[in-house]
Amino acid sequence: MSARCCASWATRRAGPGIVDRIRRLDEPARDARMETRPARARGPAPELRETMPVLSVIGTQWGDEGKGKILDLIAERADVVVRYQGGANAGHTVVVGQEKFVFHLLPSGILHPGKRNVIANGVVLDAGQLLEEIDGFEKRGIAIRGRLFVSAAAHLVFPYHKALDRASEGVKGGTKIGTTGRGIGPAYADKIARTGLRVGDLYDKRFRDRLEANVAEKNRMLQGMYGAEPLVFEKILDEYVGYAERLKPFVCDTFHLLREALDAGEYLFIEGAQGILLDVDFGTYPFVTSSNSSALGIAAGTGIPPNRIGEVIGVAKAYTTRVGEGPFPTELPPAEADALRKKGEEFGATTGRPCCCGWFDGVATRFAMEVNGVAALALTKLDTLSGYDALQVCTGYEIDGRTTDRFPCGDVPLDRVRPVYERLAGWREPLTGLRRFDDLPEAARDYIDFIEDFVRVRATIVSVGPARDQTIRR
């Protein structure tokens, strides 16, 4: 297994607004310990705006932060749940009672009756995968029809995108990226090249001719550049004509749907895929996804104006993992990484690939908080760290003999940095049965406090297990 991976997160403190919106009615508004704590070095953040009806949840690492559970918890309070970027290369896992649900394209609000769920224009849609997901959820008694809305402006993923994704891996500038092979990069490339086909094109009389031209062009690339087998146009056409018929009840103009919801004062919840360190602009390029997985992509991916996008909750694991290729400053030695991987069941939700595992990277996390404008932190999988006598948090990078607490943003390759650690006490007690912050072992509370102080964002949600109720709300 590759020993190359990485982590990231970053800044700003939260007031009580988000906490009030997502806590249960019988819970206290603020934790007494936080009320008496002195202000952070940079001073308190402004109060969160209660009138802003948009909330988003963004991963602050390389994905697999445990967003699925947090998305599910918050979606319960929303009127409309919106997926704004990425494709079927992402995966969220939600545990409800004894059942486990794995999401790839469906928004997380689908598990909550009465919620409208939108796949917006920024997503690249694998129609076959979406329909398979719909079928699977409906067989388990989850109603989809009348609750799912798919943007006619979302671009489609075709078999030639997947074929090119697989064939080109390892020859992309001489670098192996660690792609999932789901065709995401090539689909976004066609979108930018203005040769892509969108969901609405399935119902246009020119669809056949445009698809035929695309297949011919991609076959020339597959055969001439990679020596791969050509694809059969008629087979692809028949497949997508079938998809068009089944997708038709869900397809609509999601821009105006979201606009009307905003104007009506409805509560919109925006969910992202992957994490900010896989963002095509601010991630660890070139080991990234092909879209803006940060909060910066929300406006373009939904049509919601920037001035109407509200607060951001950042999700971070209590340690760090990464799937695929790329540098990973805080990665543990193989034996220690393997033990943490098994304990935390750290395998990619989409591919099943084993995750690289390492200590919490405060430098990268603080960067993620800054880029996303995070107002509150959801810290997940704290329970996995039970049993350690000591823990470490990366508080600086050593680069060519110089130490900095700034995350390199394109100026220095991340594989040149060496982590600088702060050692903290661990704890032995199990956490999965705890529901109040003050019931946590002192060392666990101190660990959370240290992370909050370093990244300058308050942890308003602490997850101590995969189930919905294994959650501490502050």
Protein backbone atom coordinates (compact mmCIF):
# COMPACT_ATOMS: atom_id res chain seq x y z
CA MET A 1 0.00 0.00 0.00
CA SER A 2 1.22 3.48 -0.78
CA ALA A 3 2.56 5.32 2.21
CA ARG A 4 1.69 8.69 0.78
CA CYS A 5 -1.19 10.75 2.11
CA CYS A 6 -1.90 14.05 3.96
CA ALA A 7 -4.20 16.29 6.14
CA SER A 8 -5.60 19.79 6.63
CA TRP A 9 -7.80 22.19 8.59
CA ALA A 10 -8.02 25.88 9.85
CA THR A 11 -9.52 29.08 11.53
CA ARG A 12 -12.24 31.24 13.23
CA ARG A 13 -14.27 30.87 16.36
CA ALA A 14 -18.02 30.30 16.48
CA GLY A 15 -20.79 31.99 18.38
CA PRO A 16 -24.00 30.24 19.42
CA GLY A 17 -26.04 30.64 16.23
CA ILE A 18 -25.30 27.30 14.60
CA VAL A 19 -25.50 25.52 17.91
CA ASP A 20 -28.98 26.90 18.47
CA ARG A 21 -30.12 25.77 15.04
CA ILE A 22 -28.94 22.18 15.29
CA ARG A 23 -29.18 21.30 18.99
CA ARG A 24 -32.19 19.54 20.38
CA LEU A 25 -34.65 21.75 22.24
CA ASP A 26 -33.94 20.21 25.64
CA GLU A 27 -30.19 20.83 25.45
CA PRO A 28 -28.39 23.86 26.96
CA ALA A 29 -27.51 26.66 24.58
CA ARG A 30 -23.85 26.86 25.60
CA ASP A 31 -21.47 24.65 27.46
CA ALA A 32 -20.54 26.23 30.82
CA ARG A 33 -16.87 25.44 30.32
CA MET A 34 -16.79 27.48 27.12
CA GLU A 35 -18.55 30.42 28.75
CA THR A 36 -15.78 30.80 31.32
CA ARG A 37 -12.90 30.19 28.94
CA PRO A 38 -10.84 33.27 27.97
CA ALA A 39 -11.13 34.59 24.42
CA ARG A 40 -8.83 33.20 21.73
CA ALA A 41 -5.75 35.13 20.73
CA ARG A 42 -7.53 36.69 17.78
CA GLY A 43 -10.58 37.65 19.76
CA PRO A 44 -14.16 36.38 19.59
CA ALA A 45 -15.90 35.88 16.30
CA PRO A 46 -18.99 37.93 15.41
CA GLU A 47 -22.37 36.45 16.26
CA LEU A 48 -23.70 34.10 13.60
CA ARG A 49 -26.58 35.47 11.59
CA GLU A 50 -29.80 33.74 12.60
CA THR A 51 -31.63 35.12 9.57
CA MET A 52 -29.36 33.43 7.03
CA PRO A 53 -31.29 30.34 5.84
CA VAL A 54 -28.29 28.54 4.26
CA LEU A 55 -25.94 26.24 6.13
CA SER A 56 -23.22 24.09 4.56
CA VAL A 57 -21.11 21.18 5.77
CA ILE A 58 -17.63 20.87 4.27
CA GLY A 59 -14.86 18.33 4.81
CA THR A 60 -11.67 19.89 6.11
CA GLN A 61 -9.28 17.05 5.28
CA TRP A 62 -8.93 14.71 2.30
CA GLY A 63 -12.47 13.38 2.55
CA ASP A 64 -13.68 10.43 4.65
CA GLU A 65 -13.89 12.76 7.67
CA GLY A 66 -17.16 11.21 8.80
CA LYS A 67 -19.29 13.82 7.00
CA GLY A 68 -22.05 11.30 6.38
CA LYS A 69 -23.16 11.22 10.00
CA ILE A 70 -22.93 15.00 10.43
CA LEU A 71 -24.82 15.56 7.18
CA ASP A 72 -27.55 13.23 8.36
CA LEU A 73 -27.86 14.95 11.76
CA ILE A 74 -28.20 18.41 10.26
CA ALA A 75 -30.37 17.40 7.30
CA GLU A 76 -33.09 16.59 9.83
CA ARG A 77 -33.50 20.35 10.42
CA ALA A 78 -33.46 21.45 6.76
CA ASP A 79 -36.23 22.06 4.24
CA VAL A 80 -34.03 21.50 1.18
CA VAL A 81 -30.78 19.49 1.02
CA VAL A 82 -28.44 20.27 -1.88
CA ARG A 83 -25.43 18.43 -3.30
CA TYR A 84 -23.31 20.96 -5.22
CA GLN A 85 -20.18 19.29 -6.67
CA GLY A 86 -18.31 16.06 -7.37
CA GLY A 87 -19.73 12.82 -8.64
CA ALA A 88 -20.02 9.14 -7.82
CA ASN A 89 -16.39 9.10 -6.71
CA ALA A 90 -17.56 10.35 -3.32
CA GLY A 91 -19.17 8.33 -0.57
CA HIS A 92 -21.00 9.07 2.69
CA THR A 93 -21.93 6.38 5.20
CA VAL A 94 -24.88 6.88 7.57
CA VAL A 95 -25.84 4.44 10.33
CA VAL A 96 -29.49 4.45 11.42
CA GLY A 97 -30.20 1.91 14.14
CA GLN A 98 -28.88 -1.39 12.82
CA GLU A 99 -28.94 -0.25 9.19
CA LYS A 100 -26.07 1.24 7.20
CA PHE A 101 -26.73 3.48 4.19
CA VAL A 102 -23.98 4.35 1.71
CA PHE A 103 -24.51 7.48 -0.42
CA HIS A 104 -22.68 8.30 -3.63
CA LEU A 105 -24.95 10.80 -5.41
CA LEU A 106 -28.20 11.05 -3.47
CA PRO A 107 -28.26 13.96 -0.98
CA SER A 108 -28.31 12.94 2.69
CA GLY A 109 -31.77 14.42 3.32
CA ILE A 110 -33.32 11.47 1.51
CA LEU A 111 -33.42 9.56 4.82
CA HIS A 112 -35.66 12.24 6.35
CA PRO A 113 -39.31 12.25 5.21
CA GLY A 114 -40.60 15.56 3.87
CA LYS A 115 -37.23 16.94 2.80
CA ARG A 116 -36.61 18.01 -0.77
CA ASN A 117 -33.27 16.84 -2.16
CA VAL A 118 -31.43 18.56 -5.00
CA ILE A 119 -28.56 17.39 -7.19
CA ALA A 120 -27.40 20.76 -8.48
CA ASN A 121 -25.65 21.86 -11.66
CA GLY A 122 -22.12 21.55 -10.24
CA VAL A 123 -22.37 17.75 -9.98
CA VAL A 124 -21.20 15.45 -12.76
CA LEU A 125 -23.90 12.81 -12.88
CA ASP A 126 -23.37 9.10 -13.45
CA ALA A 127 -26.94 8.30 -14.46
CA GLY A 128 -26.55 4.55 -14.06
CA GLN A 129 -25.10 4.92 -10.57
CA LEU A 130 -27.87 7.32 -9.50
CA LEU A 131 -30.62 5.00 -10.73
CA GLU A 132 -28.97 2.04 -9.01
CA GLU A 133 -28.82 4.06 -5.80
CA ILE A 134 -32.47 5.07 -6.15
CA ASP A 135 -33.50 1.44 -6.66
CA GLY A 136 -31.51 0.32 -3.64
CA PHE A 137 -33.01 2.94 -1.33
CA GLU A 138 -36.56 2.32 -2.57
CA LYS A 139 -36.17 -1.41 -1.91
CA ARG A 140 -35.34 -0.49 1.67
CA GLY A 141 -38.55 1.53 2.01
CA ILE A 142 -37.11 5.03 1.40
CA ALA A 143 -39.42 7.15 -0.79
CA ILE A 144 -37.57 8.99 -3.57
CA ARG A 145 -40.15 10.16 -6.10
CA GLY A 146 -41.41 13.67 -5.55
CA ARG A 147 -38.48 14.35 -3.18
CA LEU A 148 -35.50 14.26 -5.57
CA PHE A 149 -34.75 17.03 -8.09
CA VAL A 150 -31.89 16.73 -10.59
CA SER A 151 -30.53 19.78 -12.39
CA ALA A 152 -30.98 19.75 -16.14
CA ALA A 153 -27.68 21.67 -16.26
CA ALA A 154 -25.64 18.96 -14.51
CA HIS A 155 -23.10 17.33 -16.82
CA LEU A 156 -23.30 13.61 -17.55
CA VAL A 157 -20.59 11.00 -17.06
CA PHE A 158 -20.34 8.56 -19.98
CA PRO A 159 -18.51 5.22 -20.42
CA TYR A 160 -15.82 6.97 -22.46
CA HIS A 161 -15.05 9.21 -19.50
CA LYS A 162 -14.45 6.15 -17.32
CA ALA A 163 -12.38 4.45 -20.03
CA LEU A 164 -10.18 7.54 -20.40
CA ASP A 165 -9.88 7.89 -16.63
CA ARG A 166 -8.55 4.34 -16.30
CA ALA A 167 -6.35 4.47 -19.39
CA SER A 168 -4.69 7.79 -18.53
CA GLU A 169 -3.90 7.00 -14.89
CA GLY A 170 -0.14 6.92 -14.44
CA VAL A 171 0.56 9.01 -17.53
CA LYS A 172 -0.97 12.30 -16.37
CA GLY A 173 2.18 14.36 -16.50
CA GLY A 174 4.07 11.28 -15.39
CA THR A 175 2.16 11.27 -12.07
CA LYS A 176 -0.12 8.61 -10.65
CA ILE A 177 -3.03 10.52 -9.08
CA GLY A 178 -4.88 7.66 -7.41
CA THR A 179 -8.12 8.21 -9.31
CA THR A 180 -11.21 6.13 -8.53
CA GLY A 181 -11.70 5.47 -12.25
CA ARG A 182 -15.26 6.83 -12.09
CA GLY A 183 -14.72 9.25 -15.00
CA ILE A 184 -15.00 12.39 -12.91
CA GLY A 185 -11.91 14.22 -14.21
CA PRO A 186 -12.61 13.58 -17.91
CA ALA A 187 -16.26 14.63 -17.43
CA TYR A 188 -15.22 17.94 -15.88
CA ALA A 189 -12.60 18.33 -18.63
CA ASP A 190 -15.35 18.06 -21.26
CA LYS A 191 -17.43 20.57 -19.32
CA ILE A 192 -14.61 23.12 -19.47
CA ALA A 193 -13.85 22.24 -23.10
CA ARG A 194 -17.55 22.87 -23.90
CA THR A 195 -18.01 19.44 -25.45
CA GLY A 196 -19.86 17.90 -22.51
CA LEU A 197 -23.45 16.73 -22.58
CA ARG A 198 -25.81 17.76 -19.79
CA VAL A 199 -28.83 16.02 -18.30
CA GLY A 200 -31.18 18.29 -20.25
CA ASP A 201 -29.48 17.25 -23.51
CA LEU A 202 -30.91 13.75 -23.09
CA TYR A 203 -34.25 15.20 -24.24
CA ASP A 204 -32.91 17.25 -27.15
CA LYS A 205 -33.23 16.02 -30.74
CA ARG A 206 -29.52 16.73 -31.29
CA PHE A 207 -28.45 14.34 -28.53
CA ARG A 208 -27.74 11.41 -30.86
CA ASP A 209 -25.52 13.44 -33.19
CA ARG A 210 -23.59 15.09 -30.37
CA LEU A 211 -23.05 11.81 -28.55
CA GLU A 212 -21.90 10.11 -31.76
CA ALA A 213 -19.34 12.86 -32.36
CA ASN A 214 -18.07 12.57 -28.79
CA VAL A 215 -17.74 8.78 -28.95
CA ALA A 216 -15.82 9.03 -32.23
CA GLU A 217 -13.43 11.59 -30.74
CA LYS A 218 -12.88 9.62 -27.54
CA ASN A 219 -12.30 6.40 -29.50
CA ARG A 220 -9.52 8.12 -31.43
CA MET A 221 -7.95 9.09 -28.11
CA LEU A 222 -8.40 5.67 -26.54
CA GLN A 223 -6.91 3.84 -29.52
CA GLY A 224 -4.28 6.34 -30.64
CA MET A 225 -2.96 7.53 -27.28
CA TYR A 226 -3.50 4.54 -25.01
CA GLY A 227 -3.90 1.51 -27.29
CA ALA A 228 -7.25 0.74 -25.65
CA GLU A 229 -10.30 -0.90 -27.18
CA PRO A 230 -12.84 1.44 -28.83
CA LEU A 231 -16.34 1.84 -27.43
CA VAL A 232 -19.54 1.01 -29.36
CA PHE A 233 -21.67 4.08 -30.00
CA GLU A 234 -25.01 2.28 -30.43
CA LYS A 235 -24.59 0.47 -27.13
CA ILE A 236 -23.96 3.75 -25.31
CA LEU A 237 -26.86 5.45 -27.07
CA ASP A 238 -29.32 2.69 -26.12
CA GLU A 239 -28.09 2.77 -22.53
CA TYR A 240 -28.61 6.52 -22.16
CA VAL A 241 -31.96 6.57 -23.95
CA GLY A 242 -33.07 4.15 -21.26
CA TYR A 243 -31.62 6.35 -18.54
CA ALA A 244 -33.40 9.39 -19.99
CA GLU A 245 -36.80 7.77 -19.61
CA ARG A 246 -36.19 6.76 -16.00
CA LEU A 247 -34.62 10.07 -14.99
CA LYS A 248 -37.31 12.27 -16.54
CA PRO A 249 -39.54 12.52 -13.42
CA PHE A 250 -36.61 13.97 -11.45
CA VAL A 251 -35.17 16.47 -13.94
CA CYS A 252 -35.93 20.16 -13.50
CA ASP A 253 -34.55 23.70 -13.37
CA THR A 254 -32.97 23.59 -9.92
CA PHE A 255 -31.73 27.20 -10.06
CA HIS A 256 -35.26 28.58 -9.81
CA LEU A 257 -36.30 25.87 -7.34
CA LEU A 258 -33.52 26.99 -4.96
CA ARG A 259 -34.16 30.66 -5.61
CA GLU A 260 -37.82 30.31 -4.73
CA ALA A 261 -36.96 28.32 -1.59
CA LEU A 262 -34.60 31.10 -0.49
CA ASP A 263 -37.14 33.81 -1.18
CA ALA A 264 -39.70 31.85 0.85
CA GLY A 265 -37.32 31.78 3.82
CA GLU A 266 -36.81 28.05 3.70
CA TYR A 267 -33.77 26.50 5.38
CA LEU A 268 -31.28 25.20 2.81
CA PHE A 269 -28.55 22.76 3.73
CA ILE A 270 -25.61 22.44 1.30
CA GLU A 271 -23.46 19.32 1.38
CA GLY A 272 -20.10 18.80 -0.26
CA ALA A 273 -18.19 15.72 -1.30
CA GLN A 274 -14.51 14.99 -0.66
CA GLY A 275 -12.62 17.55 1.44
CA ILE A 276 -10.88 20.87 0.97
CA LEU A 277 -7.43 19.27 0.60
CA LEU A 278 -8.79 17.65 -2.57
CA ASP A 279 -10.06 20.98 -3.93
CA VAL A 280 -8.75 21.52 -7.46
CA ASP A 281 -7.53 25.04 -6.61
CA PHE A 282 -6.60 24.89 -2.92
CA GLY A 283 -5.89 21.21 -2.39
CA THR A 284 -2.63 19.29 -2.63
CA TYR A 285 -2.44 19.60 -6.41
CA PRO A 286 -2.13 17.47 -8.53
CA PHE A 287 -3.35 14.87 -6.02
CA VAL A 288 -6.86 16.37 -5.98
CA THR A 289 -10.35 15.91 -7.35
CA SER A 290 -11.56 17.86 -10.39
CA SER A 291 -13.95 20.29 -8.73
CA ASN A 292 -14.03 22.90 -5.97
CA SER A 293 -14.78 20.71 -2.97
CA SER A 294 -14.36 23.72 -0.67
CA ALA A 295 -17.15 26.14 0.23
CA LEU A 296 -15.85 28.35 -2.59
CA GLY A 297 -17.63 26.08 -5.08
CA ILE A 298 -21.11 26.46 -3.58
CA ALA A 299 -22.20 29.54 -5.54
CA ALA A 300 -21.05 28.20 -8.91
CA GLY A 301 -22.33 24.71 -8.18
CA THR A 302 -25.86 25.77 -7.18
CA GLY A 303 -26.56 29.27 -8.51
CA ILE A 304 -27.06 30.57 -4.97
CA PRO A 305 -25.51 34.08 -4.91
CA PRO A 306 -22.45 34.45 -2.66
CA ASN A 307 -24.19 37.06 -0.50
CA ARG A 308 -26.93 34.55 0.34
CA ILE A 309 -24.62 31.74 1.42
CA GLY A 310 -24.56 31.50 5.19
CA GLU A 311 -22.44 29.72 7.76
CA VAL A 312 -20.13 26.76 7.20
CA ILE A 313 -19.64 23.80 9.51
CA GLY A 314 -16.28 22.11 8.98
CA VAL A 315 -15.99 18.38 9.61
CA ALA A 316 -12.66 17.01 10.83
CA LYS A 317 -11.63 13.62 12.09
CA ALA A 318 -9.87 13.57 15.48
CA TYR A 319 -6.89 12.19 13.57
CA THR A 320 -6.08 12.29 9.85
CA THR A 321 -6.60 9.89 6.96
CA ARG A 322 -6.16 9.97 3.22
CA VAL A 323 -7.14 7.60 0.39
CA GLY A 324 -5.03 7.48 -2.76
CA GLU A 325 -1.74 9.05 -3.74
CA GLY A 326 -0.09 12.22 -2.51
CA PRO A 327 2.07 13.58 0.31
CA PHE A 328 0.92 13.10 3.90
CA PRO A 329 3.06 14.95 6.49
CA THR A 330 1.63 13.34 9.66
CA GLU A 331 1.42 9.75 8.44
CA LEU A 332 2.19 7.12 11.06
CA PRO A 333 4.76 4.35 10.61
CA PRO A 334 3.25 1.24 8.93
CA ALA A 335 2.58 -0.85 12.06
CA GLU A 336 1.00 2.07 13.97
CA ALA A 337 -0.99 3.17 10.92
CA ASP A 338 -2.32 -0.34 10.41
CA ALA A 339 -3.48 -0.56 14.03
CA LEU A 340 -5.33 2.78 13.78
CA ARG A 341 -6.77 1.80 10.39
CA LYS A 342 -8.25 -1.41 11.77
CA LYS A 343 -9.54 0.28 14.91
CA GLY A 344 -11.22 3.09 12.99
CA GLU A 345 -12.28 0.89 10.04
CA GLU A 346 -10.52 3.32 7.74
CA PHE A 347 -11.37 2.16 4.24
CA GLY A 348 -12.73 4.38 1.46
CA ALA A 349 -16.55 4.38 1.28
CA THR A 350 -16.50 4.35 -2.53
CA THR A 351 -13.51 2.19 -3.43
CA GLY A 352 -12.88 0.19 -0.26
CA ARG A 353 -9.21 1.14 -0.50
CA PRO A 354 -7.30 1.23 2.80
CA CYS A 355 -6.73 4.76 4.09
CA CYS A 356 -3.36 6.14 5.09
CA CYS A 357 -3.57 7.14 8.77
CA GLY A 358 -1.76 9.77 10.81
CA TRP A 359 -1.91 12.26 13.65
CA PHE A 360 -4.13 15.33 13.58
CA ASP A 361 -2.57 18.01 11.37
CA GLY A 362 -3.37 21.36 12.95
CA VAL A 363 -1.50 23.37 10.30
CA ALA A 364 -3.51 21.90 7.46
CA THR A 365 -6.74 22.13 9.44
CA ARG A 366 -6.31 25.81 10.22
CA PHE A 367 -5.72 26.44 6.51
CA ALA A 368 -8.96 24.58 5.72
CA MET A 369 -10.89 26.69 8.22
CA GLU A 370 -9.56 29.88 6.64
CA VAL A 371 -10.36 28.87 3.05
CA ASN A 372 -13.87 27.68 3.91
CA GLY A 373 -14.71 30.43 6.41
CA VAL A 374 -15.66 27.77 8.92
CA ALA A 375 -17.80 29.00 11.80
CA ALA A 376 -18.11 25.77 13.80
CA LEU A 377 -16.31 22.44 13.91
CA ALA A 378 -17.74 18.92 14.00
CA LEU A 379 -15.03 16.64 15.38
CA THR A 380 -15.61 12.99 14.49
CA LYS A 381 -14.31 9.59 15.59
CA LEU A 382 -12.91 10.81 18.90
CA ASP A 383 -13.79 7.38 20.30
CA THR A 384 -11.22 5.75 18.01
CA LEU A 385 -8.40 7.42 19.98
CA SER A 386 -9.35 5.71 23.26
CA GLY A 387 -6.56 3.42 24.43
CA TYR A 388 -3.62 5.66 23.57
CA ASP A 389 -1.36 6.77 26.43
CA ALA A 390 -0.16 9.76 24.37
CA LEU A 391 -1.36 11.61 21.29
CA GLN A 392 0.36 14.08 18.99
CA VAL A 393 -0.93 17.12 17.13
CA CYS A 394 1.04 18.73 14.31
CA THR A 395 1.48 22.42 15.11
CA GLY A 396 4.15 23.35 12.57
CA TYR A 397 6.02 22.33 9.44
CA GLU A 398 9.77 22.30 9.09
CA ILE A 399 10.78 23.29 5.56
CA ASP A 400 14.48 23.40 4.64
CA GLY A 401 15.45 23.97 8.27
CA ARG A 402 12.84 26.69 8.83
CA THR A 403 9.71 26.15 10.94
CA THR A 404 6.34 27.65 10.02
CA ASP A 405 2.72 27.18 11.06
CA ARG A 406 1.47 28.25 7.61
CA PHE A 407 0.23 25.62 5.18
CA PRO A 408 2.08 25.87 1.84
CA CYS A 409 -0.32 27.02 -0.88
CA GLY A 410 1.51 26.14 -4.07
CA ASP A 411 4.84 27.71 -3.13
CA VAL A 412 6.43 24.62 -1.54
CA PRO A 413 5.66 20.97 -2.41
CA LEU A 414 4.02 19.33 0.59
CA ASP A 415 6.32 16.31 0.34
CA ARG A 416 9.20 18.56 1.46
CA VAL A 417 7.71 19.38 4.87
CA ARG A 418 8.43 17.60 8.13
CA PRO A 419 5.80 17.80 10.90
CA VAL A 420 6.51 19.49 14.22
CA TYR A 421 4.44 17.90 16.99
CA GLU A 422 2.98 18.83 20.36
CA ARG A 423 2.59 15.80 22.60
CA LEU A 424 -0.64 15.46 24.63
CA ALA A 425 -1.87 12.95 27.19
CA GLY A 426 -4.14 10.19 25.93
CA TRP A 427 -6.93 8.30 27.70
CA ARG A 428 -7.96 4.68 28.14
CA GLU A 429 -11.68 5.02 28.82
CA PRO A 430 -14.22 4.13 26.07
CA LEU A 431 -16.31 7.09 24.90
CA THR A 432 -19.14 5.53 22.89
CA GLY A 433 -21.66 5.65 25.74
CA LEU A 434 -21.07 9.30 26.66
CA ARG A 435 -23.45 12.10 25.66
CA ARG A 436 -22.21 15.13 27.63
CA PHE A 437 -18.95 16.98 27.12
CA ASP A 438 -18.23 17.13 30.85
CA ASP A 439 -18.50 13.33 31.06
CA LEU A 440 -15.51 12.91 28.75
CA PRO A 441 -12.18 12.00 30.38
CA GLU A 442 -10.17 15.09 31.26
CA ALA A 443 -7.49 14.17 28.71
CA ALA A 444 -10.13 13.95 25.97
CA ARG A 445 -11.52 17.37 26.91
CA ASP A 446 -8.01 18.80 26.93
CA TYR A 447 -7.36 17.29 23.49
CA ILE A 448 -10.47 19.00 22.09
CA ASP A 449 -9.54 22.26 23.82
CA PHE A 450 -6.07 22.17 22.31
CA ILE A 451 -7.42 21.60 18.80
CA GLU A 452 -9.98 24.40 19.22
CA ASP A 453 -7.32 26.82 20.42
CA PHE A 454 -4.98 26.00 17.58
CA VAL A 455 -7.46 26.12 14.70
CA ARG A 456 -9.46 28.93 16.38
CA VAL A 457 -12.84 27.28 15.80
CA ARG A 458 -15.13 25.84 18.47
CA ALA A 459 -16.15 22.17 18.26
CA THR A 460 -19.95 22.31 18.59
CA ILE A 461 -20.43 18.65 17.65
CA VAL A 462 -18.27 15.78 18.90
CA SER A 463 -18.97 12.31 17.52
CA VAL A 464 -18.14 9.31 19.72
CA GLY A 465 -19.50 6.55 17.49
CA PRO A 466 -21.17 5.89 14.14
CA ALA A 467 -24.80 5.92 15.31
CA ARG A 468 -26.95 9.06 15.27
CA ASP A 469 -27.26 9.15 19.06
CA GLN A 470 -23.53 8.70 19.67
CA THR A 471 -23.11 12.44 19.51
CA ILE A 472 -22.20 15.19 21.95
CA ARG A 473 -23.79 18.54 21.05
CA ARG A 474 -22.36 21.62 22.72
